[in-house]
Amino acid sequence: MTTRPSNIVMLLKADQSLGNGMPIIKPENDTGPLPDLISARSLCKGFTNGGARIDVLKDLDFNLSVGESVAIVGASGIGKSTLLHIVGTLDRPDSGQLLYREDDIFTYDDLKLARFRNRTVGFVFQFHHLLPEFSAVENAMMPALINGAGRQEANQAAEEILVRVGLKDRLHYRVGKLSGGEQQRVALARALVLKPAILLADEPTGNLDKQNSEQVHTLLMELNQELSMTLVVVTHNSELASFMSRRVTIVNGRLTPVT
C-alpha cells in the first residue's frame, strides 16, 4: 500500500499543546477487564468509482482495549487499510463516531486532530517513507521536533528507541545506506519516539525477507507488551497475525472475528 503524500504531511503536523498520549497502565493486582482505548460506533465509508457508489464500511462497530493486539486480515479491497486510516484519523468517515477514551475525536477541527494524531498514534507502513539523505537518528527524532521538543531532548529520545530496536551501531548512518530490514526498524523507531498509546501498522513486513520479517514481528510483540501499547496490524502474513491476541476481517462492511 502506498501512502498518499498528503497523508505523510498529515502525520507530521502537530503542536506541543496536546496532552500526553501515554497509555493507562493497570496495577499488577487489577484483574478486571482492560479499559477501552478506542471505540467505533456505526462507522460508514464509501467511495465513488466511475459514477458507481462503493460502500466499504457499513455501520461498523468495534472496541480496542489498552494494550490489546489486533490483526486485520483478509483479501485486498475489503476495506482493511480504509479502516486503519480512519482509526489513525488520516481520513474521516462519512458518518459514525470514533471515540478515544470516550471523546469523539472527529468533532475536532483539523489542527486539533493533527495534534492528537502526532501525539497519540504511531504509524508504520509497508513503504517506510524515510528521508534517505538523513541519518537514522534524524529520521527518528522528527516527530519529537515537530511536537515541540528541543533538539537535545528529541535526539536522546530517538537514540533510546533506536537502540531498543537493535540499531545501536547504525544511529548516524544515512538511511539510504541501510538494509531494508534496518530501514523498517528506523521507521518503527520514528513511530514510537513519542511513545504513542496506539501503533497502527499497514503490511509492515510486506517488503521484507523471512528473516527480517521475523525480527520485526518479534519487535512489535515485545514493544506491545513493554509499553502497554495498543497494536493494530493490517497484514496478509498469517504468522504475524497468529501472534495477535485477536484476529478480525471485514465482511460486508463489518468486522467479523477470525477463529
C-alpha atoms as a PDB file:
ATOM      1  CA  MET A   1       0.000   0.000   0.000  1.00  0.00           C
ATOM      2  CA  THR A   2       1.394   3.384  -0.991  1.00  0.00           C
ATOM      3  CA  THR A   3       0.572   6.307   1.277  1.00  0.00           C
ATOM      4  CA  ARG A   4      -0.513   9.484  -0.448  1.00  0.00           C
ATOM      5  CA  PRO A   5       1.899  12.422   0.027  1.00  0.00           C
ATOM      6  CA  SER A   6      -0.856  14.347   1.782  1.00  0.00           C
ATOM      7  CA  ASN A   7      -1.010  11.592   4.405  1.00  0.00           C
ATOM      8  CA  ILE A   8       2.705  11.957   5.132  1.00  0.00           C
ATOM      9  CA  VAL A   9       2.217  15.669   5.696  1.00  0.00           C
ATOM     10  CA  MET A  10      -0.741  14.914   7.964  1.00  0.00           C
ATOM     11  CA  LEU A  11       1.382  12.548  10.053  1.00  0.00           C
ATOM     12  CA  LEU A  12       3.882  15.288  10.745  1.00  0.00           C
ATOM     13  CA  LYS A  13       1.516  18.154  11.593  1.00  0.00           C
ATOM     14  CA  ALA A  14       1.454  18.657  15.336  1.00  0.00           C
ATOM     15  CA  ASP A  15       1.662  21.072  18.210  1.00  0.00           C
ATOM     16  CA  GLN A  16       3.170  20.708  21.671  1.00  0.00           C
ATOM     17  CA  SER A  17      -0.030  21.881  23.360  1.00  0.00           C
ATOM     18  CA  LEU A  18      -1.728  18.470  23.211  1.00  0.00           C
ATOM     19  CA  GLY A  19      -1.709  16.422  26.385  1.00  0.00           C
ATOM     20  CA  ASN A  20       0.312  13.257  26.914  1.00  0.00           C
ATOM     21  CA  GLY A  21      -0.801  10.286  24.828  1.00  0.00           C
ATOM     22  CA  MET A  22       0.733   7.651  27.106  1.00  0.00           C
ATOM     23  CA  PRO A  23      -1.438   4.607  27.755  1.00  0.00           C
ATOM     24  CA  ILE A  24      -3.045   3.762  31.053  1.00  0.00           C
ATOM     25  CA  ILE A  25      -1.072   1.005  32.796  1.00  0.00           C
ATOM     26  CA  LYS A  26      -3.141  -1.104  35.157  1.00  0.00           C
ATOM     27  CA  PRO A  27      -1.806  -2.116  38.591  1.00  0.00           C
ATOM     28  CA  GLU A  28      -0.483  -5.685  38.714  1.00  0.00           C
ATOM     29  CA  ASN A  29      -3.210  -6.765  41.139  1.00  0.00           C
ATOM     30  CA  ASP A  30      -6.008  -5.443  38.919  1.00  0.00           C
ATOM     31  CA  THR A  31      -7.502  -8.476  37.157  1.00  0.00           C
ATOM     32  CA  GLY A  32     -10.559  -6.732  35.747  1.00  0.00           C
ATOM     33  CA  PRO A  33     -11.134  -6.051  32.038  1.00  0.00           C
ATOM     34  CA  LEU A  34      -8.877  -3.570  30.296  1.00  0.00           C
ATOM     35  CA  PRO A  35     -10.472  -0.177  29.638  1.00  0.00           C
ATOM     36  CA  ASP A  36     -11.467   0.730  26.091  1.00  0.00           C
ATOM     37  CA  LEU A  37      -8.966   2.982  24.369  1.00  0.00           C
ATOM     38  CA  ILE A  38     -10.810   3.335  21.063  1.00  0.00           C
ATOM     39  CA  SER A  39     -14.478   2.697  20.327  1.00  0.00           C
ATOM     40  CA  ALA A  40     -16.077   2.976  16.890  1.00  0.00           C
ATOM     41  CA  ARG A  41     -19.808   3.471  16.545  1.00  0.00           C
ATOM     42  CA  SER A  42     -21.625   2.909  13.231  1.00  0.00           C
ATOM     43  CA  LEU A  43     -18.687   3.888  11.013  1.00  0.00           C
ATOM     44  CA  CYS A  44     -19.600   4.251   7.338  1.00  0.00           C
ATOM     45  CA  LYS A  45     -17.230   4.978   4.488  1.00  0.00           C
ATOM     46  CA  GLY A  46     -17.718   4.724   0.755  1.00  0.00           C
ATOM     47  CA  PHE A  47     -16.167   5.840  -2.496  1.00  0.00           C
ATOM     48  CA  THR A  48     -17.440   6.704  -5.944  1.00  0.00           C
ATOM     49  CA  ASN A  49     -15.748   4.943  -8.859  1.00  0.00           C
ATOM     50  CA  GLY A  50     -16.897   5.612 -12.402  1.00  0.00           C
ATOM     51  CA  GLY A  51     -20.151   7.007 -11.138  1.00  0.00           C
ATOM     52  CA  ALA A  52     -20.880   3.925  -9.019  1.00  0.00           C
ATOM     53  CA  ARG A  53     -21.020   4.120  -5.238  1.00  0.00           C
ATOM     54  CA  ILE A  54     -18.970   1.510  -3.360  1.00  0.00           C
ATOM     55  CA  ASP A  55     -19.704   1.214   0.360  1.00  0.00           C
ATOM     56  CA  VAL A  56     -16.602  -0.177   2.049  1.00  0.00           C
ATOM     57  CA  LEU A  57     -17.539   0.192   5.723  1.00  0.00           C
ATOM     58  CA  LYS A  58     -21.182  -0.162   6.764  1.00  0.00           C
ATOM     59  CA  ASP A  59     -22.258   0.666  10.324  1.00  0.00           C
ATOM     60  CA  LEU A  60     -19.028  -0.855  11.612  1.00  0.00           C
ATOM     61  CA  ASP A  61     -18.597  -1.115  15.400  1.00  0.00           C
ATOM     62  CA  PHE A  62     -15.563  -2.192  17.399  1.00  0.00           C
ATOM     63  CA  ASN A  63     -13.658  -1.605  20.633  1.00  0.00           C
ATOM     64  CA  LEU A  64      -9.900  -1.608  21.196  1.00  0.00           C
ATOM     65  CA  SER A  65      -8.607  -2.097  24.720  1.00  0.00           C
ATOM     66  CA  VAL A  66      -5.461  -0.629  26.246  1.00  0.00           C
ATOM     67  CA  GLY A  67      -2.536  -2.906  25.376  1.00  0.00           C
ATOM     68  CA  GLU A  68      -4.536  -5.133  23.036  1.00  0.00           C
ATOM     69  CA  SER A  69      -3.053  -6.514  19.812  1.00  0.00           C
ATOM     70  CA  VAL A  70      -5.324  -6.990  16.794  1.00  0.00           C
ATOM     71  CA  ALA A  71      -4.674  -8.288  13.282  1.00  0.00           C
ATOM     72  CA  ILE A  72      -6.991  -7.241  10.450  1.00  0.00           C
ATOM     73  CA  VAL A  73      -6.730  -9.889   7.747  1.00  0.00           C
ATOM     74  CA  GLY A  74      -8.465 -10.792   4.507  1.00  0.00           C
ATOM     75  CA  ALA A  75      -8.373 -10.226   0.786  1.00  0.00           C
ATOM     76  CA  SER A  76      -7.304  -6.955  -0.815  1.00  0.00           C
ATOM     77  CA  GLY A  77     -10.078  -4.432  -1.364  1.00  0.00           C
ATOM     78  CA  ILE A  78     -12.314  -5.309   1.592  1.00  0.00           C
ATOM     79  CA  GLY A  79     -11.547  -2.089   3.485  1.00  0.00           C
ATOM     80  CA  LYS A  80      -8.679  -3.030   5.807  1.00  0.00           C
ATOM     81  CA  SER A  81      -6.499  -0.004   5.026  1.00  0.00           C
ATOM     82  CA  THR A  82      -9.549   2.266   4.877  1.00  0.00           C
ATOM     83  CA  LEU A  83     -10.429   1.261   8.429  1.00  0.00           C
ATOM     84  CA  LEU A  84      -6.831   1.713   9.580  1.00  0.00           C
ATOM     85  CA  HIS A  85      -6.722   5.217   8.096  1.00  0.00           C
ATOM     86  CA  ILE A  86      -9.916   6.162   9.925  1.00  0.00           C
ATOM     87  CA  VAL A  87      -8.671   4.753  13.243  1.00  0.00           C
ATOM     88  CA  GLY A  88      -5.477   6.756  12.717  1.00  0.00           C
ATOM     89  CA  THR A  89      -7.503   9.879  11.747  1.00  0.00           C
ATOM     90  CA  LEU A  90      -5.787  10.110   8.364  1.00  0.00           C
ATOM     91  CA  ASP A  91      -9.268  10.001   6.856  1.00  0.00           C
ATOM     92  CA  ARG A  92     -12.721  10.848   8.182  1.00  0.00           C
ATOM     93  CA  PRO A  93     -15.714   8.528   7.928  1.00  0.00           C
ATOM     94  CA  ASP A  94     -18.815   9.546   6.007  1.00  0.00           C
ATOM     95  CA  SER A  95     -20.764   9.039   9.237  1.00  0.00           C
ATOM     96  CA  GLY A  96     -20.354   7.473  12.651  1.00  0.00           C
ATOM     97  CA  GLN A  97     -18.175   8.180  15.665  1.00  0.00           C
ATOM     98  CA  LEU A  98     -14.647   7.307  16.741  1.00  0.00           C
ATOM     99  CA  LEU A  99     -14.232   7.677  20.493  1.00  0.00           C
ATOM    100  CA  TYR A 100     -10.814   7.963  22.125  1.00  0.00           C
ATOM    101  CA  ARG A 101     -11.297   7.396  25.855  1.00  0.00           C
ATOM    102  CA  GLU A 102     -14.936   8.411  25.299  1.00  0.00           C
ATOM    103  CA  ASP A 103     -14.064  11.645  23.471  1.00  0.00           C
ATOM    104  CA  ASP A 104     -15.466  11.906  19.915  1.00  0.00           C
ATOM    105  CA  ILE A 105     -12.304  12.879  18.073  1.00  0.00           C
ATOM    106  CA  PHE A 106     -13.943  13.578  14.709  1.00  0.00           C
ATOM    107  CA  THR A 107     -15.608  16.595  16.283  1.00  0.00           C
ATOM    108  CA  TYR A 108     -12.102  18.126  16.429  1.00  0.00           C
ATOM    109  CA  ASP A 109     -11.075  20.690  13.837  1.00  0.00           C
ATOM    110  CA  ASP A 110      -8.184  19.775  11.532  1.00  0.00           C
ATOM    111  CA  LEU A 111      -5.493  21.400  13.674  1.00  0.00           C
ATOM    112  CA  LYS A 112      -6.615  19.746  16.902  1.00  0.00           C
ATOM    113  CA  LEU A 113      -6.951  16.430  15.089  1.00  0.00           C
ATOM    114  CA  ALA A 114      -3.382  16.759  13.754  1.00  0.00           C
ATOM    115  CA  ARG A 115      -2.125  17.403  17.277  1.00  0.00           C
ATOM    116  CA  PHE A 116      -3.980  14.348  18.543  1.00  0.00           C
ATOM    117  CA  ARG A 117      -2.605  12.204  15.730  1.00  0.00           C
ATOM    118  CA  ASN A 118       1.014  13.167  16.218  1.00  0.00           C
ATOM    119  CA  ARG A 119       0.932  12.693  19.988  1.00  0.00           C
ATOM    120  CA  THR A 120      -1.250   9.615  20.300  1.00  0.00           C
ATOM    121  CA  VAL A 121      -0.881   7.475  17.164  1.00  0.00           C
ATOM    122  CA  GLY A 122       2.225   5.887  15.645  1.00  0.00           C
ATOM    123  CA  PHE A 123       2.233   4.640  12.044  1.00  0.00           C
ATOM    124  CA  VAL A 124       4.316   2.053  10.228  1.00  0.00           C
ATOM    125  CA  PHE A 125       3.677   1.418   6.539  1.00  0.00           C
ATOM    126  CA  GLN A 126       4.864  -1.163   4.031  1.00  0.00           C
ATOM    127  CA  PHE A 127       6.901   1.613   2.391  1.00  0.00           C
ATOM    128  CA  HIS A 128       8.800   3.324   5.176  1.00  0.00           C
ATOM    129  CA  HIS A 129       8.788   6.895   3.754  1.00  0.00           C
ATOM    130  CA  LEU A 130      12.113   7.758   5.391  1.00  0.00           C
ATOM    131  CA  LEU A 131      14.290  10.640   4.230  1.00  0.00           C
ATOM    132  CA  PRO A 132      17.251   8.833   2.611  1.00  0.00           C
ATOM    133  CA  GLU A 133      19.790  11.650   2.973  1.00  0.00           C
ATOM    134  CA  PHE A 134      19.157  11.954   6.709  1.00  0.00           C
ATOM    135  CA  SER A 135      20.590   9.682   9.381  1.00  0.00           C
ATOM    136  CA  ALA A 136      18.627   7.138  11.373  1.00  0.00           C
ATOM    137  CA  VAL A 137      18.587   9.474  14.377  1.00  0.00           C
ATOM    138  CA  GLU A 138      17.478  12.456  12.320  1.00  0.00           C
ATOM    139  CA  ASN A 139      14.597  10.476  10.844  1.00  0.00           C
ATOM    140  CA  ALA A 140      13.504   9.011  14.174  1.00  0.00           C
ATOM    141  CA  MET A 141      13.609  12.322  16.041  1.00  0.00           C
ATOM    142  CA  MET A 142      11.430  14.208  13.549  1.00  0.00           C
ATOM    143  CA  PRO A 143       8.037  13.661  15.272  1.00  0.00           C
ATOM    144  CA  ALA A 144       9.507  14.854  18.570  1.00  0.00           C
ATOM    145  CA  LEU A 145      10.884  18.021  16.979  1.00  0.00           C
ATOM    146  CA  ILE A 146       7.549  18.755  15.344  1.00  0.00           C
ATOM    147  CA  ASN A 147       5.856  18.158  18.688  1.00  0.00           C
ATOM    148  CA  GLY A 148       7.932  20.975  20.192  1.00  0.00           C
ATOM    149  CA  ALA A 149      10.775  19.099  21.864  1.00  0.00           C
ATOM    150  CA  GLY A 150      14.217  20.665  21.929  1.00  0.00           C
ATOM    151  CA  ARG A 151      16.834  19.142  19.667  1.00  0.00           C
ATOM    152  CA  GLN A 152      18.781  17.557  22.534  1.00  0.00           C
ATOM    153  CA  GLU A 153      15.654  16.025  24.054  1.00  0.00           C
ATOM    154  CA  ALA A 154      14.450  14.757  20.671  1.00  0.00           C
ATOM    155  CA  ASN A 155      17.879  13.325  19.868  1.00  0.00           C
ATOM    156  CA  GLN A 156      18.010  11.471  23.183  1.00  0.00           C
ATOM    157  CA  ALA A 157      14.533  10.003  22.714  1.00  0.00           C
ATOM    158  CA  ALA A 158      15.390   8.919  19.170  1.00  0.00           C
ATOM    159  CA  GLU A 159      18.660   7.292  20.206  1.00  0.00           C
ATOM    160  CA  GLU A 160      16.956   5.384  23.032  1.00  0.00           C
ATOM    161  CA  ILE A 161      14.281   3.868  20.819  1.00  0.00           C
ATOM    162  CA  LEU A 162      16.769   3.124  18.007  1.00  0.00           C
ATOM    163  CA  VAL A 163      18.941   1.231  20.471  1.00  0.00           C
ATOM    164  CA  ARG A 164      15.842  -0.663  21.623  1.00  0.00           C
ATOM    165  CA  VAL A 165      15.032  -1.786  18.069  1.00  0.00           C
ATOM    166  CA  GLY A 166      18.575  -3.041  17.575  1.00  0.00           C
ATOM    167  CA  LEU A 167      20.220  -0.164  15.714  1.00  0.00           C
ATOM    168  CA  LYS A 168      22.805   0.947  18.276  1.00  0.00           C
ATOM    169  CA  ASP A 169      25.571   0.726  15.675  1.00  0.00           C
ATOM    170  CA  ARG A 170      23.577   2.487  12.951  1.00  0.00           C
ATOM    171  CA  LEU A 171      22.483   5.684  14.707  1.00  0.00           C
ATOM    172  CA  HIS A 172      24.345   8.068  12.429  1.00  0.00           C
ATOM    173  CA  TYR A 173      24.179   6.107   9.176  1.00  0.00           C
ATOM    174  CA  ARG A 174      22.209   7.669   6.360  1.00  0.00           C
ATOM    175  CA  VAL A 175      19.129   5.517   5.972  1.00  0.00           C
ATOM    176  CA  GLY A 176      19.755   5.230   2.231  1.00  0.00           C
ATOM    177  CA  LYS A 177      22.794   3.120   3.174  1.00  0.00           C
ATOM    178  CA  LEU A 178      20.860   0.762   5.457  1.00  0.00           C
ATOM    179  CA  SER A 179      19.333  -2.589   4.540  1.00  0.00           C
ATOM    180  CA  GLY A 180      15.586  -2.962   4.049  1.00  0.00           C
ATOM    181  CA  GLY A 181      15.143  -4.556   7.443  1.00  0.00           C
ATOM    182  CA  GLU A 182      17.147  -1.802   9.130  1.00  0.00           C
ATOM    183  CA  GLN A 183      15.155   0.884   7.343  1.00  0.00           C
ATOM    184  CA  GLN A 184      11.894  -0.625   8.574  1.00  0.00           C
ATOM    185  CA  ARG A 185      13.260  -0.631  12.119  1.00  0.00           C
ATOM    186  CA  VAL A 186      14.109   3.065  11.743  1.00  0.00           C
ATOM    187  CA  ALA A 187      10.507   3.626  10.626  1.00  0.00           C
ATOM    188  CA  LEU A 188       9.312   1.705  13.683  1.00  0.00           C
ATOM    189  CA  ALA A 189      11.520   3.827  15.943  1.00  0.00           C
ATOM    190  CA  ARG A 190      10.139   7.002  14.356  1.00  0.00           C
ATOM    191  CA  ALA A 191       6.604   5.774  15.020  1.00  0.00           C
ATOM    192  CA  LEU A 192       7.420   5.066  18.672  1.00  0.00           C
ATOM    193  CA  VAL A 193       9.633   8.017  19.603  1.00  0.00           C
ATOM    194  CA  LEU A 194       6.734   9.832  21.311  1.00  0.00           C
ATOM    195  CA  LYS A 195       5.542   6.612  22.994  1.00  0.00           C
ATOM    196  CA  PRO A 196       2.084   6.703  21.423  1.00  0.00           C
ATOM    197  CA  ALA A 197      -0.889   4.978  23.004  1.00  0.00           C
ATOM    198  CA  ILE A 198      -1.650   3.152  19.751  1.00  0.00           C
ATOM    199  CA  LEU A 199       0.533   1.816  16.948  1.00  0.00           C
ATOM    200  CA  LEU A 200      -1.024   1.175  13.534  1.00  0.00           C
ATOM    201  CA  ALA A 201       0.910  -0.922  11.029  1.00  0.00           C
ATOM    202  CA  ASP A 202      -0.161  -1.494   7.414  1.00  0.00           C
ATOM    203  CA  GLU A 203       1.677  -4.509   5.938  1.00  0.00           C
ATOM    204  CA  PRO A 204       4.802  -3.657   7.980  1.00  0.00           C
ATOM    205  CA  THR A 205       6.753  -6.667   6.674  1.00  0.00           C
ATOM    206  CA  GLY A 206       5.336  -6.758   3.159  1.00  0.00           C
ATOM    207  CA  ASN A 207       8.665  -5.830   1.549  1.00  0.00           C
ATOM    208  CA  LEU A 208      10.965  -7.818   3.849  1.00  0.00           C
ATOM    209  CA  ASP A 209      12.515 -11.257   3.542  1.00  0.00           C
ATOM    210  CA  LYS A 210      11.643 -14.009   6.022  1.00  0.00           C
ATOM    211  CA  GLN A 211      14.467 -13.297   8.467  1.00  0.00           C
ATOM    212  CA  ASN A 212      13.826  -9.561   8.654  1.00  0.00           C
ATOM    213  CA  SER A 213      10.074 -10.160   8.823  1.00  0.00           C
ATOM    214  CA  GLU A 214      10.508 -12.410  11.841  1.00  0.00           C
ATOM    215  CA  GLN A 215      12.677  -9.803  13.558  1.00  0.00           C
ATOM    216  CA  VAL A 216      10.039  -7.104  13.034  1.00  0.00           C
ATOM    217  CA  HIS A 217       7.295  -9.486  14.234  1.00  0.00           C
ATOM    218  CA  THR A 218       9.219 -10.114  17.446  1.00  0.00           C
ATOM    219  CA  LEU A 219       9.874  -6.416  17.993  1.00  0.00           C
ATOM    220  CA  LEU A 220       6.227  -5.481  17.529  1.00  0.00           C
ATOM    221  CA  MET A 221       5.055  -8.014  20.086  1.00  0.00           C
ATOM    222  CA  GLU A 222       7.778  -7.154  22.603  1.00  0.00           C
ATOM    223  CA  LEU A 223       7.028  -3.425  22.367  1.00  0.00           C
ATOM    224  CA  ASN A 224       3.295  -4.071  22.623  1.00  0.00           C
ATOM    225  CA  GLN A 225       3.955  -5.716  25.992  1.00  0.00           C
ATOM    226  CA  GLU A 226       6.673  -3.361  27.255  1.00  0.00           C
ATOM    227  CA  LEU A 227       4.777  -0.140  26.525  1.00  0.00           C
ATOM    228  CA  SER A 228       1.205  -1.405  27.157  1.00  0.00           C
ATOM    229  CA  MET A 229       0.669  -0.054  23.659  1.00  0.00           C
ATOM    230  CA  THR A 230      -2.406  -0.965  21.642  1.00  0.00           C
ATOM    231  CA  LEU A 231      -1.310  -2.548  18.362  1.00  0.00           C
ATOM    232  CA  VAL A 232      -3.405  -2.877  15.199  1.00  0.00           C
ATOM    233  CA  VAL A 233      -1.819  -4.554  12.179  1.00  0.00           C
ATOM    234  CA  VAL A 234      -3.201  -4.976   8.672  1.00  0.00           C
ATOM    235  CA  THR A 235      -1.425  -7.983   7.224  1.00  0.00           C
ATOM    236  CA  HIS A 236      -1.525 -10.854   4.757  1.00  0.00           C
ATOM    237  CA  ASN A 237       1.154 -12.586   6.824  1.00  0.00           C
ATOM    238  CA  SER A 238      -0.514 -15.448   8.697  1.00  0.00           C
ATOM    239  CA  GLU A 239       2.459 -15.879  11.034  1.00  0.00           C
ATOM    240  CA  LEU A 240       2.330 -12.256  12.175  1.00  0.00           C
ATOM    241  CA  ALA A 241      -1.457 -12.445  12.550  1.00  0.00           C
ATOM    242  CA  SER A 242      -1.132 -15.543  14.735  1.00  0.00           C
ATOM    243  CA  PHE A 243       0.858 -13.571  17.317  1.00  0.00           C
ATOM    244  CA  MET A 244      -2.004 -11.141  17.933  1.00  0.00           C
ATOM    245  CA  SER A 245      -4.494 -11.521  20.761  1.00  0.00           C
ATOM    246  CA  ARG A 246      -7.376 -11.039  18.334  1.00  0.00           C
ATOM    247  CA  ARG A 247      -7.834 -11.568  14.598  1.00  0.00           C
ATOM    248  CA  VAL A 248     -10.656 -10.000  12.603  1.00  0.00           C
ATOM    249  CA  THR A 249     -11.671  -9.489   8.997  1.00  0.00           C
ATOM    250  CA  ILE A 250     -14.221  -7.317   7.197  1.00  0.00           C
ATOM    251  CA  VAL A 251     -17.295  -8.979   5.717  1.00  0.00           C
ATOM    252  CA  ASN A 252     -19.979  -6.868   4.042  1.00  0.00           C
ATOM    253  CA  GLY A 253     -18.507  -3.739   5.601  1.00  0.00           C
ATOM    254  CA  ARG A 254     -18.456  -5.017   9.183  1.00  0.00           C
ATOM    255  CA  LEU A 255     -15.836  -6.603  11.415  1.00  0.00           C
ATOM    256  CA  THR A 256     -16.057 -10.363  11.867  1.00  0.00           C
ATOM    257  CA  PRO A 257     -13.864 -12.449  14.221  1.00  0.00           C
ATOM    258  CA  VAL A 258     -11.444 -14.929  12.668  1.00  0.00           C
ATOM    259  CA  THR A 259     -11.022 -18.127  14.650  1.00  0.00           C
END
